[in-house]
Amino acid sequence: MSNADIVWHDAAVSQTERERQNNHSAFVLWFTGLSGSGKSTLANAIDRYFHDHGYRSYVLDGDNVRHGLNSDLGFAEEDRVENIRRISEVARLFVDAGHIVSTAFISPYADDRASARERLPEGHFIEVFVDCPLETCEERDPKGLYKKARSGEIPSFTGISAPYEAPEKPEITLQTGDRSTEDNVHELVEKLGTLLRLS
């Protein structure tokens, strides 16, 4: 059997119906930024806000996904591309199910983020650039990865020995170098205000 023999099966319940039942739009918050910039912290903080206010939401975290779905992938360029491709598809399924999904991945390549956007209907992909200076990320170094990268223990580390292509026109930019998580969540909620409604 080949891919030509696989036929898309339309669901009996539409995304619009699920959004109506949930009483809010479904979309992806795609958090991107350097390691240590605060992506996971922000994604979980906004998820807590969504949960506490009755929105159906979920976080897809980079490290967590690599423990399961993407445990067979390394960190070479082709593996990073495949990592983001798989996550894009999972995020699309969550949106189809009527959920708000936050993805916390470095996702260093602009083309991969563009491909993720193209998998979703227009307006359902919100790119959130978690902007934090490299030196601040290194100072934080919560996992000790920058230290290992500087010593050569990690050969392809984003921001040090591998590129990070910052978004040119993200829907939202959050400065996390000198702002608290609470302030950034407040700003994020304000900017998402028009999206937290029925489609």
Protein backbone atom coordinates (compact mmCIF):
# COMPACT_ATOMS: atom_id res chain seq x y z
CA MET A 1 0.00 0.00 0.00
CA SER A 2 1.24 3.50 -0.84
CA ASN A 3 0.31 6.98 0.31
CA ALA A 4 -1.89 7.25 -2.77
CA ASP A 5 -4.13 4.58 -1.18
CA ILE A 6 -4.66 6.65 1.99
CA VAL A 7 -7.79 8.80 1.95
CA TRP A 8 -8.56 11.62 4.40
CA HIS A 9 -11.64 10.80 6.47
CA ASP A 10 -13.71 13.83 7.44
CA ALA A 11 -14.69 13.94 11.12
CA ALA A 12 -18.34 13.88 12.15
CA VAL A 13 -17.73 16.78 14.56
CA SER A 14 -16.11 19.89 13.12
CA GLN A 15 -13.56 22.19 14.71
CA THR A 16 -16.13 24.99 14.65
CA GLU A 17 -18.60 22.86 16.59
CA ARG A 18 -15.94 22.05 19.18
CA GLU A 19 -15.01 25.73 19.49
CA ARG A 20 -18.67 26.61 19.98
CA GLN A 21 -19.03 23.99 22.70
CA ASN A 22 -15.84 25.23 24.40
CA ASN A 23 -16.95 28.86 23.98
CA HIS A 24 -13.58 29.99 22.66
CA SER A 25 -11.42 29.86 19.55
CA ALA A 26 -8.82 27.15 19.05
CA PHE A 27 -5.32 28.18 18.07
CA VAL A 28 -1.60 27.56 18.55
CA LEU A 29 0.65 29.78 20.63
CA TRP A 30 4.04 28.99 19.16
CA PHE A 31 6.66 30.10 21.71
CA THR A 32 10.10 30.37 20.12
CA GLY A 33 13.38 31.62 21.57
CA LEU A 34 16.78 30.59 22.83
CA SER A 35 17.30 27.94 25.48
CA GLY A 36 16.80 29.59 28.85
CA SER A 37 14.72 32.45 27.47
CA GLY A 38 11.63 31.38 29.39
CA LYS A 39 9.50 29.60 26.77
CA SER A 40 8.38 26.71 28.98
CA THR A 41 7.84 29.00 31.96
CA LEU A 42 5.58 31.30 29.94
CA ALA A 43 3.76 28.45 28.18
CA ASN A 44 2.91 26.84 31.51
CA ALA A 45 1.98 30.14 33.13
CA ILE A 46 -0.47 31.00 30.36
CA ASP A 47 -1.78 27.43 30.45
CA ARG A 48 -2.53 27.89 34.16
CA TYR A 49 -4.39 31.10 33.29
CA PHE A 50 -6.40 29.33 30.59
CA HIS A 51 -7.28 26.44 32.91
CA ASP A 52 -8.31 28.72 35.75
CA HIS A 53 -10.56 30.71 33.40
CA GLY A 54 -12.30 27.73 31.81
CA TYR A 55 -10.43 27.45 28.52
CA ARG A 56 -9.45 24.05 27.14
CA SER A 57 -5.70 24.14 26.64
CA TYR A 58 -2.53 22.05 26.63
CA VAL A 59 1.24 22.56 26.57
CA LEU A 60 3.55 20.70 24.21
CA ASP A 61 6.99 21.13 25.76
CA GLY A 62 10.18 20.46 23.83
CA ASP A 63 11.92 18.29 26.43
CA ASN A 64 8.76 16.37 27.31
CA VAL A 65 8.02 15.51 23.70
CA ARG A 66 11.58 14.27 23.21
CA HIS A 67 11.00 11.77 26.02
CA GLY A 68 8.27 10.06 24.00
CA LEU A 69 7.03 10.95 20.53
CA ASN A 70 10.41 12.26 19.36
CA SER A 71 12.73 10.11 21.45
CA ASP A 72 14.25 8.70 18.25
CA LEU A 73 15.52 12.12 17.13
CA GLY A 74 18.86 13.75 17.84
CA PHE A 75 19.89 17.39 17.38
CA ALA A 76 21.38 17.40 13.89
CA GLU A 77 19.69 19.85 11.53
CA GLU A 78 17.58 17.18 9.84
CA ASP A 79 16.43 15.88 13.23
CA ARG A 80 15.47 19.38 14.37
CA VAL A 81 13.43 19.82 11.20
CA GLU A 82 11.62 16.52 11.75
CA ASN A 83 11.08 17.36 15.42
CA ILE A 84 9.22 20.53 14.48
CA ARG A 85 7.31 18.83 11.65
CA ARG A 86 5.91 16.24 14.06
CA ILE A 87 5.03 18.84 16.66
CA SER A 88 3.30 20.94 14.01
CA GLU A 89 1.08 17.99 13.14
CA VAL A 90 0.27 17.25 16.80
CA ALA A 91 -0.54 20.93 17.39
CA ARG A 92 -2.83 20.90 14.37
CA LEU A 93 -4.73 17.95 15.83
CA PHE A 94 -5.18 19.78 19.13
CA VAL A 95 -6.59 22.79 17.28
CA ASP A 96 -8.93 20.53 15.34
CA ALA A 97 -10.09 19.21 18.73
CA GLY A 98 -10.98 22.77 19.73
CA HIS A 99 -8.08 23.39 22.11
CA ILE A 100 -5.61 26.19 22.65
CA VAL A 101 -2.18 24.59 22.43
CA SER A 102 1.07 26.23 23.53
CA THR A 103 4.27 24.84 22.03
CA ALA A 104 7.55 25.58 23.80
CA PHE A 105 10.35 24.73 21.38
CA ILE A 106 13.48 26.60 20.37
CA SER A 107 12.43 25.94 16.74
CA PRO A 108 15.49 27.80 15.44
CA TYR A 109 14.70 27.80 11.72
CA ALA A 110 12.31 30.33 10.18
CA ASP A 111 11.29 27.93 7.40
CA ASP A 112 10.17 25.31 9.92
CA ARG A 113 8.04 27.83 11.79
CA ALA A 114 6.57 28.98 8.48
CA SER A 115 5.70 25.38 7.62
CA ALA A 116 4.02 24.98 11.00
CA ARG A 117 1.96 28.10 10.30
CA GLU A 118 0.92 26.78 6.89
CA ARG A 119 -0.53 23.63 8.47
CA LEU A 120 -3.19 25.68 10.24
CA PRO A 121 -6.07 27.84 9.01
CA GLU A 122 -5.25 31.53 8.75
CA GLY A 123 -5.37 33.26 12.12
CA HIS A 124 -4.94 30.06 14.15
CA PHE A 125 -1.14 30.27 14.47
CA ILE A 126 0.22 32.90 16.87
CA GLU A 127 3.99 33.17 16.86
CA VAL A 128 5.30 34.38 20.23
CA PHE A 129 8.94 35.46 20.18
CA VAL A 130 10.39 35.05 23.67
CA ASP A 131 13.10 37.66 23.30
CA CYS A 132 15.94 37.37 25.78
CA PRO A 133 19.59 38.38 25.30
CA LEU A 134 21.99 35.48 24.83
CA GLU A 135 24.11 36.64 27.76
CA THR A 136 21.08 36.53 30.05
CA CYS A 137 20.16 33.04 28.86
CA GLU A 138 23.73 31.95 29.56
CA GLU A 139 23.63 33.46 33.03
CA ARG A 140 20.46 31.56 33.79
CA ASP A 141 21.59 28.30 32.15
CA PRO A 142 18.96 26.28 34.10
CA LYS A 143 20.08 22.96 32.60
CA GLY A 144 23.80 23.67 32.42
CA LEU A 145 23.66 23.38 28.62
CA TYR A 146 25.46 26.60 27.75
CA LYS A 147 28.39 25.60 29.94
CA LYS A 148 28.58 22.27 28.13
CA ALA A 149 28.26 23.98 24.75
CA ARG A 150 31.07 26.41 25.56
CA SER A 151 33.32 23.54 26.60
CA GLY A 152 32.58 21.61 23.41
CA GLU A 153 30.54 18.84 25.06
CA ILE A 154 27.49 19.79 22.96
CA PRO A 155 28.65 20.28 19.35
CA SER A 156 25.52 21.86 17.80
CA PHE A 157 23.94 24.16 20.35
CA THR A 158 21.58 26.91 19.25
CA GLY A 159 22.98 30.39 19.81
CA ILE A 160 26.53 29.13 20.33
CA SER A 161 27.54 26.71 17.57
CA ALA A 162 24.24 26.47 15.70
CA PRO A 163 22.10 29.32 14.33
CA TYR A 164 18.90 30.79 15.71
CA GLU A 165 16.81 32.68 13.16
CA ALA A 166 14.76 35.15 15.17
CA PRO A 167 11.23 35.86 13.90
CA GLU A 168 11.01 38.95 11.71
CA LYS A 169 7.28 39.59 12.16
CA PRO A 170 5.94 37.60 15.13
CA GLU A 171 2.39 38.31 16.23
CA ILE A 172 3.66 38.86 19.78
CA THR A 173 7.08 39.63 21.25
CA LEU A 174 7.69 39.23 24.97
CA GLN A 175 10.84 40.63 26.59
CA THR A 176 11.94 38.19 29.29
CA GLY A 177 15.38 39.52 30.09
CA ASP A 178 14.21 41.99 32.71
CA ARG A 179 10.45 41.44 32.99
CA SER A 180 8.66 39.10 35.38
CA THR A 181 6.64 36.12 34.22
CA GLU A 182 3.54 37.74 35.72
CA ASP A 183 4.03 40.92 33.67
CA ASN A 184 4.57 38.95 30.48
CA VAL A 185 1.51 36.77 31.06
CA HIS A 186 -0.56 39.89 31.66
CA GLU A 187 0.68 41.38 28.38
CA LEU A 188 0.05 38.11 26.55
CA VAL A 189 -3.52 37.88 27.86
CA GLU A 190 -4.20 41.46 26.77
CA LYS A 191 -2.90 40.80 23.26
CA LEU A 192 -4.91 37.58 22.99
CA GLY A 193 -8.11 39.23 24.14
CA THR A 194 -9.70 39.31 20.73
CA LEU A 195 -8.93 35.61 20.17
CA LEU A 196 -10.53 34.21 23.33
CA ARG A 197 -14.00 34.05 21.81
CA LEU A 198 -16.11 31.96 19.47
CA SER A 199 -14.86 31.76 15.89
